[in-house]
Amino acid sequence: MARACSFTATLAGLSTQILLAVCVQYSTKIFKDDKWAIHYYAPIQGHELVTRRDLIPSEAGHPRAGNWYYALQLGPLEHKIPPIVANRWRRVTFIVTSGDRFMNAHEINDLFEGESPAGQLYVRLKELGIAVEREWWIDEEGTAYVVDLALPIKDSWLPVTFGDQPGPTGGLRFAAGAEPEACLREIQARLRTFK
């Protein structure tokens, strides 16, 4: 099922940096056996800046009818075999990734870059067989946070953040340039306390 894809004008600076771009459709639980996965994608062949009124003429009276959006011109819809799956429900809106990562990904987490400390740590945790999620939403008493990494523990999550971004209490926080192996040792020590 193809869906119209548009990005707000706040992403305007990205359009000149994209060498290969695709629009994907992430299937939610309504798709039953195909849920939580990317089964289809289409190459982006062009874009233009238009108002919401131009995109959805039937909603000309909408409060944001005059807001500007990028309308993407898509090429033919292609089937991604094998699909890129998410092992758990997650909210997916926009992931910047490379063509190689997209074509070789087995799960959603594989789409994120691996050069940052969080990315390097994610790769090490996966190599060790430790379940981990990237860019994960955690709600703490009505406040939502997006953490760099989240590890499932019992009926909850161990959040891991890098730098000074806000995060939930009780998680692990590392400096932006932290050494991944030192972070790994601290995570392993914390995980042992939950066993």
N, C-alpha and C. Protein backbone atom coordinates (compact mmCIF):
# COMPACT_ATOMS: atom_id res chain seq x y z
N MET A 1 0.85 -1.18 0.00
CA MET A 1 0.00 0.00 0.00
C MET A 1 0.89 1.23 0.00
N ALA A 2 0.85 2.03 -1.02
CA ALA A 2 1.67 3.23 -1.10
C ALA A 2 0.98 4.37 -0.37
N ARG A 3 1.73 5.19 0.29
CA ARG A 3 1.19 6.35 0.99
C ARG A 3 1.90 7.58 0.50
N ALA A 4 1.19 8.70 0.49
CA ALA A 4 1.82 9.96 0.15
C ALA A 4 2.81 10.32 1.24
N CYS A 5 3.99 10.75 0.88
CA CYS A 5 5.01 11.11 1.86
C CYS A 5 5.36 12.58 1.67
N SER A 6 5.36 13.33 2.74
CA SER A 6 5.77 14.73 2.66
C SER A 6 6.56 15.08 3.90
N PHE A 7 7.47 16.01 3.78
CA PHE A 7 8.28 16.46 4.89
C PHE A 7 8.13 17.96 5.01
N THR A 8 8.08 18.46 6.22
CA THR A 8 7.87 19.88 6.42
C THR A 8 9.08 20.68 5.97
N ALA A 9 8.87 21.96 5.78
CA ALA A 9 9.93 22.84 5.29
C ALA A 9 11.11 22.93 6.23
N THR A 10 10.97 22.46 7.47
CA THR A 10 12.11 22.49 8.38
C THR A 10 13.23 21.57 7.90
N LEU A 11 12.93 20.68 6.97
CA LEU A 11 13.95 19.80 6.43
C LEU A 11 14.55 20.35 5.14
N ALA A 12 14.30 21.59 4.85
CA ALA A 12 14.71 22.17 3.57
C ALA A 12 16.19 22.02 3.30
N GLY A 13 17.04 22.14 4.30
CA GLY A 13 18.48 22.05 4.10
C GLY A 13 18.94 20.68 3.66
N LEU A 14 18.17 19.63 3.91
CA LEU A 14 18.59 18.29 3.55
C LEU A 14 18.49 18.02 2.05
N SER A 15 17.62 18.71 1.35
CA SER A 15 17.33 18.35 -0.04
C SER A 15 18.56 18.44 -0.94
N THR A 16 19.49 19.33 -0.65
CA THR A 16 20.68 19.43 -1.50
C THR A 16 21.74 18.41 -1.13
N GLN A 17 21.61 17.76 0.04
CA GLN A 17 22.62 16.81 0.49
C GLN A 17 22.27 15.37 0.15
N ILE A 18 21.04 15.11 -0.28
CA ILE A 18 20.60 13.74 -0.52
C ILE A 18 21.08 13.29 -1.90
N LEU A 19 21.88 12.21 -1.93
CA LEU A 19 22.34 11.65 -3.19
C LEU A 19 21.42 10.54 -3.67
N LEU A 20 20.98 9.72 -2.73
CA LEU A 20 20.04 8.64 -3.03
C LEU A 20 18.95 8.73 -1.99
N ALA A 21 17.73 8.83 -2.40
CA ALA A 21 16.66 8.96 -1.42
C ALA A 21 15.52 8.04 -1.79
N VAL A 22 14.95 7.43 -0.76
CA VAL A 22 13.78 6.59 -0.96
C VAL A 22 12.74 6.95 0.09
N CYS A 23 11.52 6.72 -0.25
CA CYS A 23 10.41 6.87 0.68
C CYS A 23 9.94 5.46 0.98
N VAL A 24 9.79 5.14 2.26
CA VAL A 24 9.37 3.79 2.63
C VAL A 24 8.03 3.84 3.34
N GLN A 25 7.37 2.73 3.37
CA GLN A 25 6.12 2.61 4.11
C GLN A 25 6.35 1.60 5.22
N TYR A 26 6.23 2.08 6.47
CA TYR A 26 6.38 1.23 7.66
C TYR A 26 5.00 0.72 8.04
N SER A 27 4.83 -0.59 8.04
CA SER A 27 3.52 -1.20 8.30
C SER A 27 3.26 -1.27 9.80
N THR A 28 2.13 -0.73 10.22
CA THR A 28 1.74 -0.78 11.62
C THR A 28 0.92 -2.03 11.90
N LYS A 29 0.40 -2.17 13.12
CA LYS A 29 -0.27 -3.40 13.52
C LYS A 29 -1.53 -3.71 12.70
N ILE A 30 -2.11 -2.73 12.03
CA ILE A 30 -3.30 -2.99 11.21
C ILE A 30 -2.98 -3.97 10.06
N PHE A 31 -1.69 -4.12 9.73
CA PHE A 31 -1.28 -5.00 8.65
C PHE A 31 -1.08 -6.44 9.12
N LYS A 32 -1.45 -6.72 10.37
CA LYS A 32 -1.44 -8.06 10.98
C LYS A 32 -0.08 -8.75 10.83
N ASP A 33 0.04 -9.81 10.02
CA ASP A 33 1.30 -10.56 9.91
C ASP A 33 2.44 -9.74 9.31
N ASP A 34 2.11 -8.68 8.60
CA ASP A 34 3.14 -7.82 8.00
C ASP A 34 3.46 -6.60 8.86
N LYS A 35 2.96 -6.58 10.11
CA LYS A 35 3.13 -5.42 10.98
C LYS A 35 4.60 -5.18 11.33
N TRP A 36 4.87 -3.96 11.73
CA TRP A 36 6.16 -3.52 12.26
C TRP A 36 7.32 -3.82 11.29
N ALA A 37 7.13 -3.50 10.04
CA ALA A 37 8.18 -3.80 9.06
C ALA A 37 8.08 -2.86 7.87
N ILE A 38 9.18 -2.77 7.14
CA ILE A 38 9.21 -2.04 5.88
C ILE A 38 9.19 -3.09 4.77
N HIS A 39 8.08 -3.13 4.05
CA HIS A 39 7.91 -4.09 2.96
C HIS A 39 8.04 -3.44 1.59
N TYR A 40 7.84 -2.11 1.53
CA TYR A 40 7.85 -1.42 0.24
C TYR A 40 8.64 -0.13 0.33
N TYR A 41 9.21 0.26 -0.80
CA TYR A 41 9.90 1.54 -0.89
C TYR A 41 9.80 2.05 -2.31
N ALA A 42 10.05 3.33 -2.47
CA ALA A 42 10.02 3.95 -3.81
C ALA A 42 11.11 5.00 -3.87
N PRO A 43 11.84 5.08 -4.97
CA PRO A 43 12.86 6.13 -5.10
C PRO A 43 12.21 7.50 -5.21
N ILE A 44 12.84 8.48 -4.58
CA ILE A 44 12.36 9.86 -4.68
C ILE A 44 12.99 10.45 -5.94
N GLN A 45 12.15 10.87 -6.87
CA GLN A 45 12.64 11.38 -8.15
C GLN A 45 12.63 12.89 -8.23
N GLY A 46 12.01 13.54 -7.28
CA GLY A 46 11.98 14.99 -7.28
C GLY A 46 11.17 15.49 -6.10
N HIS A 47 11.17 16.80 -5.94
CA HIS A 47 10.40 17.40 -4.86
C HIS A 47 10.03 18.82 -5.24
N GLU A 48 8.99 19.33 -4.59
CA GLU A 48 8.62 20.73 -4.78
C GLU A 48 8.02 21.24 -3.48
N LEU A 49 8.11 22.53 -3.28
CA LEU A 49 7.57 23.17 -2.09
C LEU A 49 6.15 23.64 -2.41
N VAL A 50 5.17 23.11 -1.65
CA VAL A 50 3.76 23.44 -1.89
C VAL A 50 3.06 23.66 -0.55
N THR A 51 1.92 24.29 -0.58
CA THR A 51 1.14 24.46 0.65
C THR A 51 0.30 23.21 0.90
N ARG A 52 -0.12 23.06 2.13
CA ARG A 52 -1.01 21.95 2.48
C ARG A 52 -2.28 22.02 1.63
N ARG A 53 -2.76 23.22 1.36
CA ARG A 53 -3.95 23.42 0.54
C ARG A 53 -3.75 22.79 -0.85
N ASP A 54 -2.53 22.92 -1.41
CA ASP A 54 -2.24 22.32 -2.71
C ASP A 54 -2.15 20.80 -2.63
N LEU A 55 -1.63 20.30 -1.50
CA LEU A 55 -1.49 18.85 -1.34
C LEU A 55 -2.83 18.16 -1.11
N ILE A 56 -3.70 18.81 -0.31
CA ILE A 56 -4.98 18.22 0.05
C ILE A 56 -6.08 19.24 -0.21
N PRO A 57 -6.49 19.41 -1.48
CA PRO A 57 -7.48 20.42 -1.83
C PRO A 57 -8.81 20.25 -1.11
N SER A 58 -9.15 19.02 -0.73
CA SER A 58 -10.43 18.79 -0.05
C SER A 58 -10.44 19.34 1.38
N GLU A 59 -9.28 19.76 1.90
CA GLU A 59 -9.19 20.32 3.24
C GLU A 59 -8.69 21.76 3.19
N ALA A 60 -9.21 22.52 2.24
CA ALA A 60 -8.76 23.90 2.04
C ALA A 60 -8.99 24.78 3.27
N GLY A 61 -9.94 24.43 4.13
CA GLY A 61 -10.22 25.22 5.32
C GLY A 61 -9.43 24.78 6.55
N HIS A 62 -8.52 23.85 6.40
CA HIS A 62 -7.74 23.34 7.54
C HIS A 62 -6.91 24.47 8.16
N PRO A 63 -6.73 24.47 9.50
CA PRO A 63 -5.96 25.54 10.16
C PRO A 63 -4.53 25.69 9.63
N ARG A 64 -3.95 24.61 9.11
CA ARG A 64 -2.59 24.70 8.56
C ARG A 64 -2.57 24.68 7.03
N ALA A 65 -3.68 25.06 6.41
CA ALA A 65 -3.79 25.02 4.95
C ALA A 65 -2.72 25.86 4.27
N GLY A 66 -2.26 26.92 4.91
CA GLY A 66 -1.24 27.78 4.31
C GLY A 66 0.20 27.38 4.63
N ASN A 67 0.41 26.33 5.46
CA ASN A 67 1.76 25.88 5.79
C ASN A 67 2.43 25.24 4.58
N TRP A 68 3.76 25.38 4.54
CA TRP A 68 4.53 24.84 3.41
C TRP A 68 5.06 23.45 3.72
N TYR A 69 5.02 22.57 2.71
CA TYR A 69 5.50 21.20 2.83
C TYR A 69 6.28 20.85 1.57
N TYR A 70 7.17 19.86 1.71
CA TYR A 70 7.81 19.30 0.52
C TYR A 70 6.92 18.18 -0.01
N ALA A 71 6.54 18.26 -1.26
CA ALA A 71 5.82 17.18 -1.92
C ALA A 71 6.87 16.39 -2.70
N LEU A 72 6.92 15.09 -2.45
CA LEU A 72 7.91 14.25 -3.09
C LEU A 72 7.30 13.54 -4.30
N GLN A 73 8.02 13.56 -5.41
CA GLN A 73 7.60 12.79 -6.58
C GLN A 73 8.30 11.44 -6.48
N LEU A 74 7.50 10.37 -6.41
CA LEU A 74 8.03 9.04 -6.19
C LEU A 74 8.06 8.24 -7.47
N GLY A 75 9.08 7.39 -7.58
CA GLY A 75 9.17 6.45 -8.69
C GLY A 75 8.31 5.24 -8.39
N PRO A 76 8.50 4.16 -9.13
CA PRO A 76 7.67 2.97 -8.95
C PRO A 76 7.88 2.33 -7.57
N LEU A 77 6.79 1.83 -7.00
CA LEU A 77 6.82 1.14 -5.73
C LEU A 77 7.55 -0.19 -5.89
N GLU A 78 8.51 -0.47 -5.01
CA GLU A 78 9.28 -1.71 -5.09
C GLU A 78 9.12 -2.50 -3.81
N HIS A 79 9.13 -3.83 -3.95
CA HIS A 79 8.97 -4.72 -2.81
C HIS A 79 10.35 -4.97 -2.20
N LYS A 80 10.50 -4.75 -0.89
CA LYS A 80 11.77 -4.97 -0.19
C LYS A 80 11.80 -6.41 0.30
N ILE A 81 12.66 -7.21 -0.30
CA ILE A 81 12.80 -8.62 0.07
C ILE A 81 14.24 -8.87 0.48
N PRO A 82 14.49 -9.35 1.69
CA PRO A 82 13.53 -9.52 2.77
C PRO A 82 13.13 -8.17 3.35
N PRO A 83 11.99 -8.11 4.02
CA PRO A 83 11.58 -6.83 4.62
C PRO A 83 12.51 -6.45 5.78
N ILE A 84 12.46 -5.19 6.15
CA ILE A 84 13.21 -4.71 7.31
C ILE A 84 12.22 -4.69 8.47
N VAL A 85 12.46 -5.51 9.48
CA VAL A 85 11.49 -5.68 10.56
C VAL A 85 11.90 -4.93 11.82
N ALA A 86 10.93 -4.68 12.65
CA ALA A 86 11.16 -4.16 14.00
C ALA A 86 10.79 -5.30 14.95
N ASN A 87 11.66 -5.61 15.88
CA ASN A 87 11.40 -6.72 16.79
C ASN A 87 10.31 -6.39 17.80
N ARG A 88 10.05 -5.09 17.99
CA ARG A 88 9.01 -4.64 18.91
C ARG A 88 8.32 -3.45 18.26
N TRP A 89 7.12 -3.12 18.76
CA TRP A 89 6.44 -1.93 18.27
C TRP A 89 7.33 -0.73 18.49
N ARG A 90 7.38 0.16 17.53
CA ARG A 90 8.10 1.41 17.68
C ARG A 90 7.51 2.45 16.77
N ARG A 91 7.71 3.71 17.13
CA ARG A 91 7.23 4.82 16.32
C ARG A 91 8.36 5.17 15.33
N VAL A 92 8.05 5.11 14.05
CA VAL A 92 9.04 5.44 13.02
C VAL A 92 8.49 6.59 12.20
N THR A 93 9.23 7.69 12.11
CA THR A 93 8.79 8.81 11.28
C THR A 93 9.82 9.12 10.21
N PHE A 94 11.08 9.26 10.60
CA PHE A 94 12.10 9.68 9.65
C PHE A 94 13.44 9.16 10.12
N ILE A 95 14.15 8.42 9.28
CA ILE A 95 15.49 7.92 9.60
C ILE A 95 16.40 8.28 8.44
N VAL A 96 17.47 9.00 8.73
CA VAL A 96 18.49 9.28 7.72
C VAL A 96 19.44 8.08 7.71
N THR A 97 19.62 7.47 6.55
CA THR A 97 20.48 6.30 6.46
C THR A 97 21.16 6.29 5.10
N SER A 98 22.05 5.34 4.88
CA SER A 98 22.71 5.22 3.57
C SER A 98 22.00 4.16 2.74
N GLY A 99 22.26 4.18 1.43
CA GLY A 99 21.68 3.18 0.54
C GLY A 99 22.14 1.78 0.91
N ASP A 100 23.44 1.63 1.25
CA ASP A 100 23.96 0.33 1.64
C ASP A 100 23.28 -0.19 2.90
N ARG A 101 23.14 0.68 3.90
CA ARG A 101 22.48 0.24 5.13
C ARG A 101 21.04 -0.16 4.85
N PHE A 102 20.34 0.61 4.01
CA PHE A 102 18.95 0.30 3.69
C PHE A 102 18.84 -1.07 3.00
N MET A 103 19.65 -1.30 2.00
CA MET A 103 19.55 -2.54 1.23
C MET A 103 19.99 -3.76 2.04
N ASN A 104 20.91 -3.58 3.02
CA ASN A 104 21.43 -4.71 3.80
C ASN A 104 20.76 -4.87 5.16
N ALA A 105 19.88 -3.97 5.53
CA ALA A 105 19.26 -4.01 6.86
C ALA A 105 18.33 -5.22 7.01
N HIS A 106 18.39 -5.83 8.19
CA HIS A 106 17.47 -6.91 8.54
C HIS A 106 16.42 -6.42 9.53
N GLU A 107 16.81 -5.43 10.35
CA GLU A 107 15.87 -4.85 11.30
C GLU A 107 16.01 -3.34 11.30
N ILE A 108 15.00 -2.65 11.81
CA ILE A 108 14.97 -1.19 11.79
C ILE A 108 16.23 -0.58 12.39
N ASN A 109 16.72 -1.15 13.48
CA ASN A 109 17.91 -0.63 14.14
C ASN A 109 19.13 -0.60 13.22
N ASP A 110 19.19 -1.48 12.23
CA ASP A 110 20.33 -1.52 11.31
C ASP A 110 20.40 -0.29 10.42
N LEU A 111 19.31 0.49 10.34
CA LEU A 111 19.30 1.67 9.48
C LEU A 111 20.06 2.85 10.07
N PHE A 112 20.22 2.87 11.38
CA PHE A 112 20.92 3.99 12.01
C PHE A 112 22.42 3.88 11.78
N GLU A 113 23.07 5.04 11.74
CA GLU A 113 24.51 5.04 11.51
C GLU A 113 25.24 4.40 12.67
N GLY A 114 26.45 3.90 12.40
CA GLY A 114 27.20 3.21 13.42
C GLY A 114 28.48 3.90 13.84
N GLU A 115 28.71 5.12 13.37
CA GLU A 115 29.97 5.79 13.66
C GLU A 115 29.98 6.54 14.98
N SER A 116 28.83 6.96 15.49
CA SER A 116 28.77 7.69 16.75
C SER A 116 29.01 6.72 17.90
N PRO A 117 29.29 7.22 19.10
CA PRO A 117 29.43 6.31 20.24
C PRO A 117 28.19 5.43 20.44
N ALA A 118 26.99 6.00 20.28
CA ALA A 118 25.77 5.19 20.42
C ALA A 118 25.72 4.12 19.34
N GLY A 119 26.10 4.46 18.13
CA GLY A 119 26.09 3.49 17.04
C GLY A 119 27.11 2.38 17.25
N GLN A 120 28.30 2.75 17.68
CA GLN A 120 29.34 1.74 17.95
C GLN A 120 28.92 0.82 19.09
N LEU A 121 28.32 1.41 20.12
CA LEU A 121 27.86 0.63 21.26
C LEU A 121 26.72 -0.31 20.85
N TYR A 122 25.82 0.17 20.02
CA TYR A 122 24.74 -0.67 19.52
C TYR A 122 25.31 -1.90 18.80
N VAL A 123 26.30 -1.68 17.94
CA VAL A 123 26.90 -2.78 17.19
C VAL A 123 27.54 -3.79 18.15
N ARG A 124 28.29 -3.31 19.15
CA ARG A 124 28.94 -4.20 20.12
C ARG A 124 27.91 -5.00 20.91
N LEU A 125 26.84 -4.35 21.36
CA LEU A 125 25.81 -5.05 22.12
C LEU A 125 25.16 -6.15 21.27
N LYS A 126 24.88 -5.85 20.00
CA LYS A 126 24.29 -6.85 19.10
C LYS A 126 25.26 -8.02 18.90
N GLU A 127 26.55 -7.70 18.73
CA GLU A 127 27.55 -8.76 18.55
C GLU A 127 27.58 -9.71 19.76
N LEU A 128 27.32 -9.16 20.94
CA LEU A 128 27.33 -9.96 22.18
C LEU A 128 25.99 -10.63 22.44
N GLY A 129 25.03 -10.44 21.55
CA GLY A 129 23.72 -11.07 21.70
C GLY A 129 22.83 -10.39 22.72
N ILE A 130 23.11 -9.13 23.02
CA ILE A 130 22.32 -8.37 23.99
C ILE A 130 21.24 -7.59 23.24
N ALA A 131 19.99 -7.79 23.61
CA ALA A 131 18.88 -7.09 22.95
C ALA A 131 19.01 -5.59 23.23
N VAL A 132 18.83 -4.79 22.18
CA VAL A 132 18.96 -3.33 22.30
C VAL A 132 18.15 -2.67 21.20
N GLU A 133 17.61 -1.50 21.48
CA GLU A 133 16.87 -0.70 20.50
C GLU A 133 17.55 0.65 20.36
N ARG A 134 17.46 1.25 19.17
CA ARG A 134 18.02 2.58 18.89
C ARG A 134 16.90 3.61 18.86
N GLU A 135 17.22 4.86 19.23
CA GLU A 135 16.27 5.98 19.14
C GLU A 135 14.90 5.56 19.68
N TRP A 136 14.86 5.17 20.93
CA TRP A 136 13.67 4.56 21.54
C TRP A 136 12.91 5.57 22.38
N TRP A 137 11.58 5.58 22.26
CA TRP A 137 10.71 6.46 23.06
C TRP A 137 10.47 5.83 24.41
N ILE A 138 10.69 6.59 25.46
CA ILE A 138 10.39 6.13 26.83
C ILE A 138 9.54 7.20 27.50
N ASP A 139 8.44 6.77 28.11
CA ASP A 139 7.57 7.67 28.83
C ASP A 139 7.83 7.53 30.32
N GLU A 140 8.09 8.64 30.98
CA GLU A 140 8.31 8.63 32.42
C GLU A 140 7.36 9.63 33.07
N GLU A 141 6.34 9.11 33.71
CA GLU A 141 5.36 9.95 34.41
C GLU A 141 4.81 11.07 33.52
N GLY A 142 4.44 10.72 32.29
CA GLY A 142 3.83 11.67 31.38
C GLY A 142 4.79 12.49 30.54
N THR A 143 6.09 12.34 30.76
CA THR A 143 7.08 13.03 29.94
C THR A 143 7.73 12.01 29.01
N ALA A 144 7.72 12.31 27.70
CA ALA A 144 8.29 11.40 26.72
C ALA A 144 9.73 11.81 26.40
N TYR A 145 10.60 10.84 26.35
CA TYR A 145 12.00 11.05 26.00
C TYR A 145 12.36 10.13 24.84
N VAL A 146 13.25 10.58 23.97
CA VAL A 146 13.83 9.70 22.96
C VAL A 146 15.26 9.48 23.41
N VAL A 147 15.59 8.23 23.74
CA VAL A 147 16.92 7.91 24.22
C VAL A 147 17.73 7.27 23.11
N ASP A 148 19.05 7.39 23.19
CA ASP A 148 19.92 6.84 22.15
C ASP A 148 19.81 5.33 22.05
N LEU A 149 19.81 4.66 23.21
CA LEU A 149 19.71 3.21 23.28
C LEU A 149 18.76 2.83 24.40
N ALA A 150 18.08 1.69 24.25
CA ALA A 150 17.23 1.17 25.32
C ALA A 150 17.38 -0.34 25.33
N LEU A 151 17.64 -0.87 26.51
CA LEU A 151 17.80 -2.31 26.68
C LEU A 151 16.64 -2.84 27.50
N PRO A 152 15.93 -3.88 27.00
CA PRO A 152 14.80 -4.42 27.76
C PRO A 152 15.29 -5.12 29.03
N ILE A 153 14.65 -4.80 30.16
CA ILE A 153 14.96 -5.43 31.44
C ILE A 153 13.64 -5.74 32.14
N LYS A 154 13.43 -6.99 32.46
CA LYS A 154 12.19 -7.43 33.11
C LYS A 154 11.00 -6.80 32.41
N ASP A 155 10.20 -5.99 33.10
CA ASP A 155 9.02 -5.36 32.49
C ASP A 155 9.26 -3.89 32.18
N SER A 156 10.51 -3.52 31.94
CA SER A 156 10.83 -2.11 31.73
C SER A 156 11.98 -1.98 30.74
N TRP A 157 12.65 -0.82 30.78
CA TRP A 157 13.76 -0.54 29.88
C TRP A 157 14.88 0.13 30.66
N LEU A 158 16.12 -0.15 30.25
CA LEU A 158 17.27 0.58 30.76
C LEU A 158 17.62 1.61 29.68
N PRO A 159 17.32 2.90 29.93
CA PRO A 159 17.64 3.92 28.93
C PRO A 159 19.11 4.33 28.99
N VAL A 160 19.67 4.60 27.83
CA VAL A 160 21.06 5.05 27.71
C VAL A 160 21.08 6.29 26.83
N THR A 161 21.62 7.39 27.36
CA THR A 161 21.71 8.63 26.59
C THR A 161 23.15 9.10 26.54
N PHE A 162 23.46 9.84 25.49
CA PHE A 162 24.79 10.42 25.30
C PHE A 162 24.66 11.94 25.24
N GLY A 163 25.65 12.64 25.78
CA GLY A 163 25.64 14.09 25.74
C GLY A 163 24.69 14.67 26.76
N ASP A 164 24.21 15.88 26.47
CA ASP A 164 23.37 16.58 27.45
C ASP A 164 21.89 16.58 27.10
N GLN A 165 21.46 15.69 26.22
CA GLN A 165 20.04 15.62 25.89
C GLN A 165 19.25 15.14 27.10
N PRO A 166 18.02 15.61 27.26
CA PRO A 166 17.21 15.18 28.40
C PRO A 166 16.93 13.69 28.34
N GLY A 167 16.85 13.07 29.51
CA GLY A 167 16.56 11.65 29.57
C GLY A 167 15.89 11.30 30.87
N PRO A 168 15.29 10.12 30.92
CA PRO A 168 14.60 9.71 32.13
C PRO A 168 15.57 9.44 33.27
N THR A 169 15.06 9.51 34.50
CA THR A 169 15.89 9.21 35.66
C THR A 169 16.14 7.71 35.71
N GLY A 170 17.21 7.31 36.35
CA GLY A 170 17.50 5.89 36.53
C GLY A 170 18.19 5.24 35.35
N GLY A 171 18.44 6.00 34.30
CA GLY A 171 19.14 5.44 33.16
C GLY A 171 20.64 5.70 33.25
N LEU A 172 21.34 5.33 32.22
CA LEU A 172 22.77 5.60 32.14
C LEU A 172 23.00 6.78 31.21
N ARG A 173 23.90 7.67 31.60
CA ARG A 173 24.23 8.84 30.79
C ARG A 173 25.75 8.85 30.59
N PHE A 174 26.15 9.02 29.32
CA PHE A 174 27.56 9.07 28.99
C PHE A 174 27.87 10.37 28.26
N ALA A 175 29.11 10.81 28.34
CA ALA A 175 29.54 12.00 27.61
C ALA A 175 29.39 11.75 26.12
N ALA A 176 29.23 12.83 25.36
CA ALA A 176 29.01 12.72 23.91
C ALA A 176 30.13 11.93 23.22
N GLY A 177 31.35 12.09 23.65
CA GLY A 177 32.48 11.39 23.02
C GLY A 177 32.98 10.22 23.82
N ALA A 178 32.13 9.60 24.61
CA ALA A 178 32.54 8.51 25.49
C ALA A 178 33.10 7.33 24.72
N GLU A 179 34.05 6.64 25.32
CA GLU A 179 34.66 5.44 24.74
C GLU A 179 33.65 4.30 24.80
N PRO A 180 33.26 3.73 23.65
CA PRO A 180 32.23 2.69 23.64
C PRO A 180 32.54 1.49 24.55
N GLU A 181 33.78 1.06 24.63
CA GLU A 181 34.10 -0.12 25.46
C GLU A 181 33.88 0.17 26.93
N ALA A 182 34.19 1.40 27.38
CA ALA A 182 33.94 1.77 28.78
C ALA A 182 32.43 1.80 29.04
N CYS A 183 31.68 2.32 28.08
CA CYS A 183 30.21 2.34 28.21
C CYS A 183 29.67 0.92 28.28
N LEU A 184 30.22 0.04 27.45
CA LEU A 184 29.78 -1.36 27.42
C LEU A 184 29.99 -2.01 28.78
N ARG A 185 31.14 -1.79 29.39
CA ARG A 185 31.40 -2.38 30.71
C ARG A 185 30.39 -1.89 31.75
N GLU A 186 30.06 -0.60 31.70
CA GLU A 186 29.10 -0.06 32.66
C GLU A 186 27.69 -0.61 32.41
N ILE A 187 27.32 -0.75 31.14
CA ILE A 187 26.01 -1.33 30.81
C ILE A 187 25.93 -2.77 31.29
N GLN A 188 26.99 -3.55 31.02
CA GLN A 188 26.99 -4.95 31.45
C GLN A 188 26.88 -5.06 32.97
N ALA A 189 27.57 -4.17 33.69
CA ALA A 189 27.49 -4.19 35.16
C ALA A 189 26.08 -3.88 35.61
N ARG A 190 25.43 -2.88 34.97
CA ARG A 190 24.05 -2.53 35.35
C ARG A 190 23.09 -3.68 35.02
N LEU A 191 23.27 -4.32 33.87
CA LEU A 191 22.40 -5.44 33.50
C LEU A 191 22.51 -6.60 34.49
N ARG A 192 23.70 -6.82 35.04
CA ARG A 192 23.88 -7.90 36.02
C ARG A 192 23.04 -7.65 37.28
N THR A 193 22.77 -6.40 37.60
CA THR A 193 21.98 -6.10 38.79
C THR A 193 20.51 -6.47 38.61
N PHE A 194 20.08 -6.68 37.38
CA PHE A 194 18.67 -7.02 37.11
C PHE A 194 18.45 -8.53 37.01
N LYS A 195 19.51 -9.31 37.12
CA LYS A 195 19.37 -10.77 36.97
C LYS A 195 19.13 -11.44 38.29
